[in-house]
Amino acid sequence: MAHGSGTRVAGSQFGNKQYPHLTAQITSIKPVQLTLKITAITRGALQHCELVGLHDLDTDAPYVQSQLANYLNDLLDIGVAGFRLDASKHMPANDIGDIPGKLNKQSVVFQEVIDQGG
């Protein structure tokens, strides 16, 4: 998911928050509040808003979970042993459990959480 816009390695263009190749797959998924900014530190704001303007996946959607799990399973098949979840405090706990729960092999999963001290 690109942030900003520009030219891909193969020369085609990409645009900020534009995913035309996914249009057919995501029409049944509830829209994510992509432009919602964090204005107060609450669980809802931390887990359902853009983190410093970065794009947000709707990780509670079954389709999104299955696509993430498929990708991680492909990585496991080529020998990857584990995964780090960046900014995991910005994901609902159920999603953190559900996605690795769909993996075909045992793997190490650890979470990166930055506290208030940076």
PDB file of N, CA and C in Angstrom:
ATOM      1  N   MET A   1       0.855  -1.167   0.000  1.00  0.00           N
ATOM      2  CA  MET A   1       0.000   0.000   0.000  1.00  0.00           C
ATOM      3  C   MET A   1       0.899   1.227   0.000  1.00  0.00           C
ATOM      4  N   ALA A   2       0.953   1.875  -1.130  1.00  0.00           N
ATOM      5  CA  ALA A   2       1.842   3.012  -1.276  1.00  0.00           C
ATOM      6  C   ALA A   2       1.303   4.243  -0.562  1.00  0.00           C
ATOM      7  N   HIS A   3       2.215   4.997   0.000  1.00  0.00           N
ATOM      8  CA  HIS A   3       1.876   6.284   0.600  1.00  0.00           C
ATOM      9  C   HIS A   3       2.400   7.342  -0.365  1.00  0.00           C
ATOM     10  N   GLY A   4       1.543   8.199  -0.840  1.00  0.00           N
ATOM     11  CA  GLY A   4       1.955   9.185  -1.832  1.00  0.00           C
ATOM     12  C   GLY A   4       1.667   8.669  -3.222  1.00  0.00           C
ATOM     13  N   SER A   5       2.367   9.192  -4.199  1.00  0.00           N
ATOM     14  CA  SER A   5       2.196   8.742  -5.565  1.00  0.00           C
ATOM     15  C   SER A   5       3.534   8.800  -6.272  1.00  0.00           C
ATOM     16  N   GLY A   6       3.615   8.104  -7.400  1.00  0.00           N
ATOM     17  CA  GLY A   6       4.873   8.086  -8.125  1.00  0.00           C
ATOM     18  C   GLY A   6       4.887   7.031  -9.207  1.00  0.00           C
ATOM     19  N   THR A   7       6.083   6.571  -9.541  1.00  0.00           N
ATOM     20  CA  THR A   7       6.273   5.592 -10.604  1.00  0.00           C
ATOM     21  C   THR A   7       6.828   4.303 -10.014  1.00  0.00           C
ATOM     22  N   ARG A   8       6.209   3.179 -10.364  1.00  0.00           N
ATOM     23  CA  ARG A   8       6.683   1.869  -9.924  1.00  0.00           C
ATOM     24  C   ARG A   8       7.952   1.501 -10.681  1.00  0.00           C
ATOM     25  N   VAL A   9       8.631   0.457 -10.206  1.00  0.00           N
ATOM     26  CA  VAL A   9       9.861  -0.006 -10.826  1.00  0.00           C
ATOM     27  C   VAL A   9       9.646  -0.322 -12.304  1.00  0.00           C
ATOM     28  N   ALA A  10       8.513  -0.933 -12.648  1.00  0.00           N
ATOM     29  CA  ALA A  10       8.240  -1.302 -14.037  1.00  0.00           C
ATOM     30  C   ALA A  10       7.746  -0.130 -14.880  1.00  0.00           C
ATOM     31  N   GLY A  11       7.584   1.037 -14.275  1.00  0.00           N
ATOM     32  CA  GLY A  11       7.216   2.220 -15.030  1.00  0.00           C
ATOM     33  C   GLY A  11       5.771   2.659 -14.928  1.00  0.00           C
ATOM     34  N   SER A  12       4.885   1.822 -14.382  1.00  0.00           N
ATOM     35  CA  SER A  12       3.493   2.244 -14.252  1.00  0.00           C
ATOM     36  C   SER A  12       3.362   3.208 -13.068  1.00  0.00           C
ATOM     37  N   GLN A  13       2.296   3.983 -13.096  1.00  0.00           N
ATOM     38  CA  GLN A  13       2.072   4.991 -12.068  1.00  0.00           C
ATOM     39  C   GLN A  13       1.233   4.429 -10.921  1.00  0.00           C
ATOM     40  N   PHE A  14       1.412   4.973  -9.731  1.00  0.00           N
ATOM     41  CA  PHE A  14       0.532   4.657  -8.613  1.00  0.00           C
ATOM     42  C   PHE A  14       0.129   5.964  -7.962  1.00  0.00           C
ATOM     43  N   GLY A  15      -1.062   5.934  -7.356  1.00  0.00           N
ATOM     44  CA  GLY A  15      -1.584   7.126  -6.712  1.00  0.00           C
ATOM     45  C   GLY A  15      -1.887   6.861  -5.258  1.00  0.00           C
ATOM     46  N   ASN A  16      -1.883   7.917  -4.485  1.00  0.00           N
ATOM     47  CA  ASN A  16      -2.144   7.818  -3.053  1.00  0.00           C
ATOM     48  C   ASN A  16      -3.550   7.268  -2.805  1.00  0.00           C
ATOM     49  N   LYS A  17      -3.636   6.157  -2.084  1.00  0.00           N
ATOM     50  CA  LYS A  17      -4.897   5.519  -1.697  1.00  0.00           C
ATOM     51  C   LYS A  17      -5.750   5.124  -2.898  1.00  0.00           C
ATOM     52  N   GLN A  18      -5.113   4.764  -3.986  1.00  0.00           N
ATOM     53  CA  GLN A  18      -5.820   4.304  -5.170  1.00  0.00           C
ATOM     54  C   GLN A  18      -5.373   2.877  -5.457  1.00  0.00           C
ATOM     55  N   TYR A  19      -6.314   1.942  -5.424  1.00  0.00           N
ATOM     56  CA  TYR A  19      -6.009   0.532  -5.599  1.00  0.00           C
ATOM     57  C   TYR A  19      -6.932  -0.068  -6.656  1.00  0.00           C
ATOM     58  N   PRO A  20      -6.818   0.359  -7.916  1.00  0.00           N
ATOM     59  CA  PRO A  20      -7.754  -0.104  -8.936  1.00  0.00           C
ATOM     60  C   PRO A  20      -7.737  -1.610  -9.146  1.00  0.00           C
ATOM     61  N   HIS A  21      -6.608  -2.268  -8.938  1.00  0.00           N
ATOM     62  CA  HIS A  21      -6.525  -3.719  -9.125  1.00  0.00           C
ATOM     63  C   HIS A  21      -7.269  -4.483  -8.035  1.00  0.00           C
ATOM     64  N   LEU A  22      -7.648  -3.810  -6.951  1.00  0.00           N
ATOM     65  CA  LEU A  22      -8.372  -4.467  -5.866  1.00  0.00           C
ATOM     66  C   LEU A  22      -9.858  -4.116  -5.846  1.00  0.00           C
ATOM     67  N   THR A  23     -10.306  -3.280  -6.738  1.00  0.00           N
ATOM     68  CA  THR A  23     -11.676  -2.782  -6.697  1.00  0.00           C
ATOM     69  C   THR A  23     -12.698  -3.904  -6.608  1.00  0.00           C
ATOM     70  N   ALA A  24     -12.563  -4.922  -7.433  1.00  0.00           N
ATOM     71  CA  ALA A  24     -13.547  -6.015  -7.440  1.00  0.00           C
ATOM     72  C   ALA A  24     -13.534  -6.773  -6.122  1.00  0.00           C
ATOM     73  N   GLN A  25     -12.369  -6.947  -5.533  1.00  0.00           N
ATOM     74  CA  GLN A  25     -12.267  -7.728  -4.307  1.00  0.00           C
ATOM     75  C   GLN A  25     -12.767  -6.975  -3.075  1.00  0.00           C
ATOM     76  N   ILE A  26     -12.663  -5.675  -3.061  1.00  0.00           N
ATOM     77  CA  ILE A  26     -12.970  -4.952  -1.826  1.00  0.00           C
ATOM     78  C   ILE A  26     -14.339  -4.287  -1.826  1.00  0.00           C
ATOM     79  N   THR A  27     -15.140  -4.478  -2.857  1.00  0.00           N
ATOM     80  CA  THR A  27     -16.437  -3.809  -2.879  1.00  0.00           C
ATOM     81  C   THR A  27     -17.362  -4.291  -1.772  1.00  0.00           C
ATOM     82  N   SER A  28     -17.167  -5.511  -1.279  1.00  0.00           N
ATOM     83  CA  SER A  28     -18.045  -6.021  -0.230  1.00  0.00           C
ATOM     84  C   SER A  28     -17.517  -5.704   1.169  1.00  0.00           C
ATOM     85  N   ILE A  29     -16.363  -5.105   1.270  1.00  0.00           N
ATOM     86  CA  ILE A  29     -15.781  -4.785   2.570  1.00  0.00           C
ATOM     87  C   ILE A  29     -16.269  -3.406   3.005  1.00  0.00           C
ATOM     88  N   LYS A  30     -16.606  -3.306   4.293  1.00  0.00           N
ATOM     89  CA  LYS A  30     -17.034  -1.992   4.780  1.00  0.00           C
ATOM     90  C   LYS A  30     -15.901  -0.989   4.606  1.00  0.00           C
ATOM     91  N   PRO A  31     -16.216   0.245   4.251  1.00  0.00           N
ATOM     92  CA  PRO A  31     -15.165   1.230   4.031  1.00  0.00           C
ATOM     93  C   PRO A  31     -14.454   1.581   5.326  1.00  0.00           C
ATOM     94  N   VAL A  32     -13.163   1.777   5.238  1.00  0.00           N
ATOM     95  CA  VAL A  32     -12.355   2.195   6.384  1.00  0.00           C
ATOM     96  C   VAL A  32     -12.285   3.712   6.351  1.00  0.00           C
ATOM     97  N   GLN A  33     -12.327   4.317   7.509  1.00  0.00           N
ATOM     98  CA  GLN A  33     -12.252   5.779   7.596  1.00  0.00           C
ATOM     99  C   GLN A  33     -10.823   6.212   7.308  1.00  0.00           C
ATOM    100  N   LEU A  34     -10.425   6.187   6.035  1.00  0.00           N
ATOM    101  CA  LEU A  34      -9.041   6.469   5.675  1.00  0.00           C
ATOM    102  C   LEU A  34      -8.602   7.891   5.992  1.00  0.00           C
ATOM    103  N   THR A  35      -9.521   8.811   6.016  1.00  0.00           N
ATOM    104  CA  THR A  35      -9.123  10.194   6.261  1.00  0.00           C
ATOM    105  C   THR A  35      -9.292  10.616   7.711  1.00  0.00           C
ATOM    106  N   LEU A  36      -9.797   9.725   8.543  1.00  0.00           N
ATOM    107  CA  LEU A  36      -9.998  10.039   9.948  1.00  0.00           C
ATOM    108  C   LEU A  36      -8.644  10.172  10.651  1.00  0.00           C
ATOM    109  N   LYS A  37      -8.432  11.273  11.303  1.00  0.00           N
ATOM    110  CA  LYS A  37      -7.178  11.522  12.016  1.00  0.00           C
ATOM    111  C   LYS A  37      -7.372  11.304  13.511  1.00  0.00           C
ATOM    112  N   ILE A  38      -6.311  10.941  14.197  1.00  0.00           N
ATOM    113  CA  ILE A  38      -6.368  10.761  15.647  1.00  0.00           C
ATOM    114  C   ILE A  38      -6.413  12.138  16.292  1.00  0.00           C
ATOM    115  N   THR A  39      -7.496  12.404  17.032  1.00  0.00           N
ATOM    116  CA  THR A  39      -7.617  13.683  17.728  1.00  0.00           C
ATOM    117  C   THR A  39      -7.624  13.502  19.244  1.00  0.00           C
ATOM    118  N   ALA A  40      -7.868  12.286  19.716  1.00  0.00           N
ATOM    119  CA  ALA A  40      -7.836  11.988  21.145  1.00  0.00           C
ATOM    120  C   ALA A  40      -7.279  10.577  21.298  1.00  0.00           C
ATOM    121  N   ILE A  41      -6.553  10.351  22.354  1.00  0.00           N
ATOM    122  CA  ILE A  41      -5.952   9.047  22.575  1.00  0.00           C
ATOM    123  C   ILE A  41      -6.971   8.136  23.243  1.00  0.00           C
ATOM    124  N   THR A  42      -7.694   7.418  22.420  1.00  0.00           N
ATOM    125  CA  THR A  42      -8.639   6.409  22.883  1.00  0.00           C
ATOM    126  C   THR A  42      -8.338   5.125  22.129  1.00  0.00           C
ATOM    127  N   ARG A  43      -8.824   4.002  22.631  1.00  0.00           N
ATOM    128  CA  ARG A  43      -8.604   2.729  21.942  1.00  0.00           C
ATOM    129  C   ARG A  43      -9.149   2.795  20.510  1.00  0.00           C
ATOM    130  N   GLY A  44     -10.353   3.313  20.358  1.00  0.00           N
ATOM    131  CA  GLY A  44     -10.947   3.404  19.030  1.00  0.00           C
ATOM    132  C   GLY A  44     -10.119   4.243  18.073  1.00  0.00           C
ATOM    133  N   ALA A  45      -9.643   5.378  18.556  1.00  0.00           N
ATOM    134  CA  ALA A  45      -8.828   6.245  17.703  1.00  0.00           C
ATOM    135  C   ALA A  45      -7.510   5.580  17.345  1.00  0.00           C
ATOM    136  N   LEU A  46      -6.877   4.936  18.312  1.00  0.00           N
ATOM    137  CA  LEU A  46      -5.594   4.290  18.045  1.00  0.00           C
ATOM    138  C   LEU A  46      -5.724   3.105  17.096  1.00  0.00           C
ATOM    139  N   GLN A  47      -6.867   2.428  17.106  1.00  0.00           N
ATOM    140  CA  GLN A  47      -6.998   1.202  16.329  1.00  0.00           C
ATOM    141  C   GLN A  47      -7.794   1.370  15.037  1.00  0.00           C
ATOM    142  N   HIS A  48      -8.448   2.499  14.840  1.00  0.00           N
ATOM    143  CA  HIS A  48      -9.280   2.643  13.643  1.00  0.00           C
ATOM    144  C   HIS A  48      -9.052   3.956  12.909  1.00  0.00           C
ATOM    145  N   CYS A  49      -7.923   4.570  13.107  1.00  0.00           N
ATOM    146  CA  CYS A  49      -7.576   5.801  12.403  1.00  0.00           C
ATOM    147  C   CYS A  49      -6.202   5.629  11.771  1.00  0.00           C
ATOM    148  N   GLU A  50      -5.862   6.546  10.896  1.00  0.00           N
ATOM    149  CA  GLU A  50      -4.539   6.503  10.294  1.00  0.00           C
ATOM    150  C   GLU A  50      -3.494   6.887  11.339  1.00  0.00           C
ATOM    151  N   LEU A  51      -2.447   6.108  11.402  1.00  0.00           N
ATOM    152  CA  LEU A  51      -1.326   6.396  12.289  1.00  0.00           C
ATOM    153  C   LEU A  51      -0.364   7.302  11.533  1.00  0.00           C
ATOM    154  N   VAL A  52      -0.188   8.506  11.990  1.00  0.00           N
ATOM    155  CA  VAL A  52       0.647   9.536  11.367  1.00  0.00           C
ATOM    156  C   VAL A  52       0.471   9.580   9.851  1.00  0.00           C
ATOM    157  N   GLY A  53      -0.790   9.470   9.394  1.00  0.00           N
ATOM    158  CA  GLY A  53      -1.088   9.562   7.975  1.00  0.00           C
ATOM    159  C   GLY A  53      -0.851   8.301   7.166  1.00  0.00           C
ATOM    160  N   LEU A  54      -0.401   7.218   7.806  1.00  0.00           N
ATOM    161  CA  LEU A  54      -0.170   5.966   7.079  1.00  0.00           C
ATOM    162  C   LEU A  54      -1.491   5.276   6.794  1.00  0.00           C
ATOM    163  N   HIS A  55      -1.550   4.535   5.744  1.00  0.00           N
ATOM    164  CA  HIS A  55      -2.774   3.863   5.343  1.00  0.00           C
ATOM    165  C   HIS A  55      -3.123   2.748   6.311  1.00  0.00           C
ATOM    166  N   ASP A  56      -4.410   2.481   6.416  1.00  0.00           N
ATOM    167  CA  ASP A  56      -4.916   1.528   7.390  1.00  0.00           C
ATOM    168  C   ASP A  56      -5.646   0.403   6.661  1.00  0.00           C
ATOM    169  N   LEU A  57      -5.314  -0.834   7.006  1.00  0.00           N
ATOM    170  CA  LEU A  57      -6.046  -1.982   6.479  1.00  0.00           C
ATOM    171  C   LEU A  57      -7.208  -2.293   7.412  1.00  0.00           C
ATOM    172  N   ASP A  58      -8.312  -2.748   6.854  1.00  0.00           N
ATOM    173  CA  ASP A  58      -9.472  -3.145   7.648  1.00  0.00           C
ATOM    174  C   ASP A  58      -9.235  -4.590   8.113  1.00  0.00           C
ATOM    175  N   THR A  59      -8.382  -4.751   9.118  1.00  0.00           N
ATOM    176  CA  THR A  59      -7.928  -6.089   9.527  1.00  0.00           C
ATOM    177  C   THR A  59      -9.000  -6.933  10.191  1.00  0.00           C
ATOM    178  N   ASP A  60     -10.168  -6.374  10.489  1.00  0.00           N
ATOM    179  CA  ASP A  60     -11.237  -7.226  11.016  1.00  0.00           C
ATOM    180  C   ASP A  60     -12.093  -7.815   9.903  1.00  0.00           C
ATOM    181  N   ALA A  61     -11.875  -7.400   8.652  1.00  0.00           N
ATOM    182  CA  ALA A  61     -12.620  -7.946   7.514  1.00  0.00           C
ATOM    183  C   ALA A  61     -12.070  -9.330   7.157  1.00  0.00           C
ATOM    184  N   PRO A  62     -12.918 -10.342   7.047  1.00  0.00           N
ATOM    185  CA  PRO A  62     -12.448 -11.693   6.720  1.00  0.00           C
ATOM    186  C   PRO A  62     -11.615 -11.758   5.440  1.00  0.00           C
ATOM    187  N   TYR A  63     -11.998 -10.999   4.420  1.00  0.00           N
ATOM    188  CA  TYR A  63     -11.221 -11.023   3.173  1.00  0.00           C
ATOM    189  C   TYR A  63      -9.806 -10.503   3.409  1.00  0.00           C
ATOM    190  N   VAL A  64      -9.676  -9.404   4.141  1.00  0.00           N
ATOM    191  CA  VAL A  64      -8.355  -8.832   4.410  1.00  0.00           C
ATOM    192  C   VAL A  64      -7.529  -9.814   5.227  1.00  0.00           C
ATOM    193  N   GLN A  65      -8.129 -10.415   6.246  1.00  0.00           N
ATOM    194  CA  GLN A  65      -7.406 -11.400   7.059  1.00  0.00           C
ATOM    195  C   GLN A  65      -6.918 -12.571   6.213  1.00  0.00           C
ATOM    196  N   SER A  66      -7.769 -13.070   5.326  1.00  0.00           N
ATOM    197  CA  SER A  66      -7.361 -14.221   4.513  1.00  0.00           C
ATOM    198  C   SER A  66      -6.241 -13.838   3.546  1.00  0.00           C
ATOM    199  N   GLN A  67      -6.287 -12.635   2.991  1.00  0.00           N
ATOM    200  CA  GLN A  67      -5.222 -12.199   2.084  1.00  0.00           C
ATOM    201  C   GLN A  67      -3.894 -12.045   2.831  1.00  0.00           C
ATOM    202  N   LEU A  68      -3.942 -11.462   4.019  1.00  0.00           N
ATOM    203  CA  LEU A  68      -2.719 -11.338   4.820  1.00  0.00           C
ATOM    204  C   LEU A  68      -2.174 -12.714   5.191  1.00  0.00           C
ATOM    205  N   ALA A  69      -3.054 -13.616   5.618  1.00  0.00           N
ATOM    206  CA  ALA A  69      -2.622 -14.965   5.991  1.00  0.00           C
ATOM    207  C   ALA A  69      -2.051 -15.706   4.782  1.00  0.00           C
ATOM    208  N   ASN A  70      -2.662 -15.556   3.619  1.00  0.00           N
ATOM    209  CA  ASN A  70      -2.127 -16.200   2.408  1.00  0.00           C
ATOM    210  C   ASN A  70      -0.720 -15.716   2.111  1.00  0.00           C
ATOM    211  N   TYR A  71      -0.500 -14.422   2.240  1.00  0.00           N
ATOM    212  CA  TYR A  71       0.831 -13.867   2.001  1.00  0.00           C
ATOM    213  C   TYR A  71       1.841 -14.403   3.028  1.00  0.00           C
ATOM    214  N   LEU A  72       1.451 -14.399   4.295  1.00  0.00           N
ATOM    215  CA  LEU A  72       2.352 -14.918   5.330  1.00  0.00           C
ATOM    216  C   LEU A  72       2.622 -16.409   5.125  1.00  0.00           C
ATOM    217  N   ASN A  73       1.616 -17.173   4.710  1.00  0.00           N
ATOM    218  CA  ASN A  73       1.822 -18.597   4.427  1.00  0.00           C
ATOM    219  C   ASN A  73       2.796 -18.797   3.273  1.00  0.00           C
ATOM    220  N   ASP A  74       2.721 -17.947   2.250  1.00  0.00           N
ATOM    221  CA  ASP A  74       3.697 -18.024   1.158  1.00  0.00           C
ATOM    222  C   ASP A  74       5.108 -17.782   1.682  1.00  0.00           C
ATOM    223  N   LEU A  75       5.246 -16.812   2.578  1.00  0.00           N
ATOM    224  CA  LEU A  75       6.563 -16.541   3.159  1.00  0.00           C
ATOM    225  C   LEU A  75       7.055 -17.714   3.997  1.00  0.00           C
ATOM    226  N   LEU A  76       6.158 -18.325   4.768  1.00  0.00           N
ATOM    227  CA  LEU A  76       6.542 -19.511   5.544  1.00  0.00           C
ATOM    228  C   LEU A  76       6.994 -20.641   4.622  1.00  0.00           C
ATOM    229  N   ASP A  77       6.334 -20.797   3.497  1.00  0.00           N
ATOM    230  CA  ASP A  77       6.683 -21.865   2.543  1.00  0.00           C
ATOM    231  C   ASP A  77       8.077 -21.690   1.952  1.00  0.00           C
ATOM    232  N   ILE A  78       8.579 -20.462   1.890  1.00  0.00           N
ATOM    233  CA  ILE A  78       9.927 -20.262   1.352  1.00  0.00           C
ATOM    234  C   ILE A  78      10.984 -20.151   2.445  1.00  0.00           C
ATOM    235  N   GLY A  79      10.577 -20.431   3.695  1.00  0.00           N
ATOM    236  CA  GLY A  79      11.567 -20.526   4.757  1.00  0.00           C
ATOM    237  C   GLY A  79      11.584 -19.442   5.807  1.00  0.00           C
ATOM    238  N   VAL A  80      10.707 -18.462   5.714  1.00  0.00           N
ATOM    239  CA  VAL A  80      10.636 -17.431   6.754  1.00  0.00           C
ATOM    240  C   VAL A  80      10.181 -18.106   8.045  1.00  0.00           C
ATOM    241  N   ALA A  81      10.809 -17.752   9.164  1.00  0.00           N
ATOM    242  CA  ALA A  81      10.512 -18.416  10.433  1.00  0.00           C
ATOM    243  C   ALA A  81       9.579 -17.621  11.337  1.00  0.00           C
ATOM    244  N   GLY A  82       9.419 -16.325  11.077  1.00  0.00           N
ATOM    245  CA  GLY A  82       8.586 -15.531  11.965  1.00  0.00           C
ATOM    246  C   GLY A  82       8.312 -14.155  11.422  1.00  0.00           C
ATOM    247  N   PHE A  83       7.505 -13.428  12.186  1.00  0.00           N
ATOM    248  CA  PHE A  83       7.036 -12.128  11.738  1.00  0.00           C
ATOM    249  C   PHE A  83       7.015 -11.127  12.884  1.00  0.00           C
ATOM    250  N   ARG A  84       7.292  -9.891  12.562  1.00  0.00           N
ATOM    251  CA  ARG A  84       7.181  -8.782  13.505  1.00  0.00           C
ATOM    252  C   ARG A  84       5.981  -7.940  13.085  1.00  0.00           C
ATOM    253  N   LEU A  85       5.105  -7.677  14.009  1.00  0.00           N
ATOM    254  CA  LEU A  85       3.946  -6.820  13.745  1.00  0.00           C
ATOM    255  C   LEU A  85       4.292  -5.407  14.194  1.00  0.00           C
ATOM    256  N   ASP A  86       4.511  -4.533  13.242  1.00  0.00           N
ATOM    257  CA  ASP A  86       4.810  -3.139  13.564  1.00  0.00           C
ATOM    258  C   ASP A  86       3.561  -2.448  14.092  1.00  0.00           C
ATOM    259  N   ALA A  87       3.760  -1.558  15.038  1.00  0.00           N
ATOM    260  CA  ALA A  87       2.684  -0.721  15.582  1.00  0.00           C
ATOM    261  C   ALA A  87       1.473  -1.551  15.990  1.00  0.00           C
ATOM    262  N   SER A  88       1.704  -2.650  16.664  1.00  0.00           N
ATOM    263  CA  SER A  88       0.606  -3.567  16.990  1.00  0.00           C
ATOM    264  C   SER A  88      -0.416  -2.981  17.957  1.00  0.00           C
ATOM    265  N   LYS A  89      -0.061  -1.958  18.715  1.00  0.00           N
ATOM    266  CA  LYS A  89      -1.076  -1.352  19.584  1.00  0.00           C
ATOM    267  C   LYS A  89      -2.136  -0.625  18.766  1.00  0.00           C
ATOM    268  N   HIS A  90      -1.878  -0.478  17.476  1.00  0.00           N
ATOM    269  CA  HIS A  90      -2.837   0.172  16.592  1.00  0.00           C
ATOM    270  C   HIS A  90      -3.711  -0.840  15.852  1.00  0.00           C
ATOM    271  N   MET A  91      -3.640  -2.088  16.264  1.00  0.00           N
ATOM    272  CA  MET A  91      -4.490  -3.149  15.715  1.00  0.00           C
ATOM    273  C   MET A  91      -5.339  -3.723  16.840  1.00  0.00           C
ATOM    274  N   PRO A  92      -6.612  -4.008  16.591  1.00  0.00           N
ATOM    275  CA  PRO A  92      -7.423  -4.664  17.618  1.00  0.00           C
ATOM    276  C   PRO A  92      -6.827  -6.026  17.987  1.00  0.00           C
ATOM    277  N   ALA A  93      -6.864  -6.357  19.266  1.00  0.00           N
ATOM    278  CA  ALA A  93      -6.265  -7.606  19.762  1.00  0.00           C
ATOM    279  C   ALA A  93      -6.835  -8.833  19.053  1.00  0.00           C
ATOM    280  N   ASN A  94      -8.130  -8.840  18.779  1.00  0.00           N
ATOM    281  CA  ASN A  94      -8.720  -9.992  18.078  1.00  0.00           C
ATOM    282  C   ASN A  94      -8.093 -10.189  16.707  1.00  0.00           C
ATOM    283  N   ASP A  95      -7.813  -9.099  16.001  1.00  0.00           N
ATOM    284  CA  ASP A  95      -7.196  -9.209  14.682  1.00  0.00           C
ATOM    285  C   ASP A  95      -5.787  -9.774  14.789  1.00  0.00           C
ATOM    286  N   ILE A  96      -5.055  -9.331  15.809  1.00  0.00           N
ATOM    287  CA  ILE A  96      -3.701  -9.843  16.010  1.00  0.00           C
ATOM    288  C   ILE A  96      -3.739 -11.351  16.242  1.00  0.00           C
ATOM    289  N   GLY A  97      -4.749 -11.836  16.932  1.00  0.00           N
ATOM    290  CA  GLY A  97      -4.872 -13.278  17.150  1.00  0.00           C
ATOM    291  C   GLY A  97      -5.431 -14.022  15.958  1.00  0.00           C
ATOM    292  N   ASP A  98      -6.376 -13.417  15.258  1.00  0.00           N
ATOM    293  CA  ASP A  98      -7.046 -14.106  14.148  1.00  0.00           C
ATOM    294  C   ASP A  98      -6.125 -14.340  12.959  1.00  0.00           C
ATOM    295  N   ILE A  99      -5.321 -13.377  12.600  1.00  0.00           N
ATOM    296  CA  ILE A  99      -4.491 -13.511  11.404  1.00  0.00           C
ATOM    297  C   ILE A  99      -3.432 -14.603  11.578  1.00  0.00           C
ATOM    298  N   PRO A 100      -2.613 -14.579  12.630  1.00  0.00           N
ATOM    299  CA  PRO A 100      -1.660 -15.691  12.801  1.00  0.00           C
ATOM    300  C   PRO A 100      -2.357 -17.031  13.019  1.00  0.00           C
ATOM    301  N   GLY A 101      -3.582 -16.999  13.504  1.00  0.00           N
ATOM    302  CA  GLY A 101      -4.339 -18.233  13.685  1.00  0.00           C
ATOM    303  C   GLY A 101      -4.681 -18.917  12.371  1.00  0.00           C
ATOM    304  N   LYS A 102      -4.531 -18.221  11.259  1.00  0.00           N
ATOM    305  CA  LYS A 102      -4.811 -18.779   9.941  1.00  0.00           C
ATOM    306  C   LYS A 102      -3.548 -19.315   9.249  1.00  0.00           C
ATOM    307  N   LEU A 103      -2.421 -19.285   9.933  1.00  0.00           N
ATOM    308  CA  LEU A 103      -1.175 -19.749   9.316  1.00  0.00           C
ATOM    309  C   LEU A 103      -1.127 -21.272   9.283  1.00  0.00           C
ATOM    310  N   ASN A 104      -0.497 -21.802   8.242  1.00  0.00           N
ATOM    311  CA  ASN A 104      -0.413 -23.252   8.039  1.00  0.00           C
ATOM    312  C   ASN A 104       0.716 -23.909   8.811  1.00  0.00           C
ATOM    313  N   LYS A 105       1.672 -23.108   9.274  1.00  0.00           N
ATOM    314  CA  LYS A 105       2.834 -23.638   9.986  1.00  0.00           C
ATOM    315  C   LYS A 105       3.065 -22.836  11.257  1.00  0.00           C
ATOM    316  N   GLN A 106       3.750 -23.464  12.196  1.00  0.00           N
ATOM    317  CA  GLN A 106       4.174 -22.785  13.416  1.00  0.00           C
ATOM    318  C   GLN A 106       5.149 -21.680  13.052  1.00  0.00           C
ATOM    319  N   SER A 107       5.017 -20.530  13.649  1.00  0.00           N
ATOM    320  CA  SER A 107       5.956 -19.438  13.397  1.00  0.00           C
ATOM    321  C   SER A 107       6.090 -18.587  14.646  1.00  0.00           C
ATOM    322  N   VAL A 108       7.141 -17.822  14.669  1.00  0.00           N
ATOM    323  CA  VAL A 108       7.357 -16.865  15.747  1.00  0.00           C
ATOM    324  C   VAL A 108       6.677 -15.557  15.330  1.00  0.00           C
ATOM    325  N   VAL A 109       5.873 -14.990  16.212  1.00  0.00           N
ATOM    326  CA  VAL A 109       5.233 -13.705  15.951  1.00  0.00           C
ATOM    327  C   VAL A 109       5.490 -12.829  17.164  1.00  0.00           C
ATOM    328  N   PHE A 110       6.100 -11.669  16.940  1.00  0.00           N
ATOM    329  CA  PHE A 110       6.259 -10.744  18.058  1.00  0.00           C
ATOM    330  C   PHE A 110       5.816  -9.361  17.621  1.00  0.00           C
ATOM    331  N   GLN A 111       5.510  -8.558  18.626  1.00  0.00           N
ATOM    332  CA  GLN A 111       4.889  -7.265  18.363  1.00  0.00           C
ATOM    333  C   GLN A 111       5.796  -6.113  18.769  1.00  0.00           C
ATOM    334  N   GLU A 112       5.793  -5.076  17.942  1.00  0.00           N
ATOM    335  CA  GLU A 112       6.508  -3.857  18.242  1.00  0.00           C
ATOM    336  C   GLU A 112       5.513  -2.863  18.808  1.00  0.00           C
ATOM    337  N   VAL A 113       5.773  -2.402  20.019  1.00  0.00           N
ATOM    338  CA  VAL A 113       4.931  -1.399  20.660  1.00  0.00           C
ATOM    339  C   VAL A 113       5.835  -0.318  21.221  1.00  0.00           C
ATOM    340  N   ILE A 114       5.603   0.912  20.810  1.00  0.00           N
ATOM    341  CA  ILE A 114       6.377   2.036  21.344  1.00  0.00           C
ATOM    342  C   ILE A 114       5.578   2.648  22.475  1.00  0.00           C
ATOM    343  N   ASP A 115       6.215   2.836  23.611  1.00  0.00           N
ATOM    344  CA  ASP A 115       5.499   3.408  24.753  1.00  0.00           C
ATOM    345  C   ASP A 115       5.505   4.931  24.657  1.00  0.00           C
ATOM    346  N   GLN A 116       4.972   5.587  25.669  1.00  0.00           N
ATOM    347  CA  GLN A 116       4.886   7.049  25.649  1.00  0.00           C
ATOM    348  C   GLN A 116       6.247   7.722  25.693  1.00  0.00           C
ATOM    349  N   GLY A 117       7.262   6.990  26.091  1.00  0.00           N
ATOM    350  CA  GLY A 117       8.602   7.565  26.156  1.00  0.00           C
ATOM    351  C   GLY A 117       9.323   7.539  24.820  1.00  0.00           C
ATOM    352  N   GLY A 118       8.698   7.007  23.766  1.00  0.00           N
ATOM    353  CA  GLY A 118       9.304   7.002  22.425  1.00  0.00           C
ATOM    354  C   GLY A 118      10.061   5.740  22.159  1.00  0.00           C
TER     355      GLY A 118
END
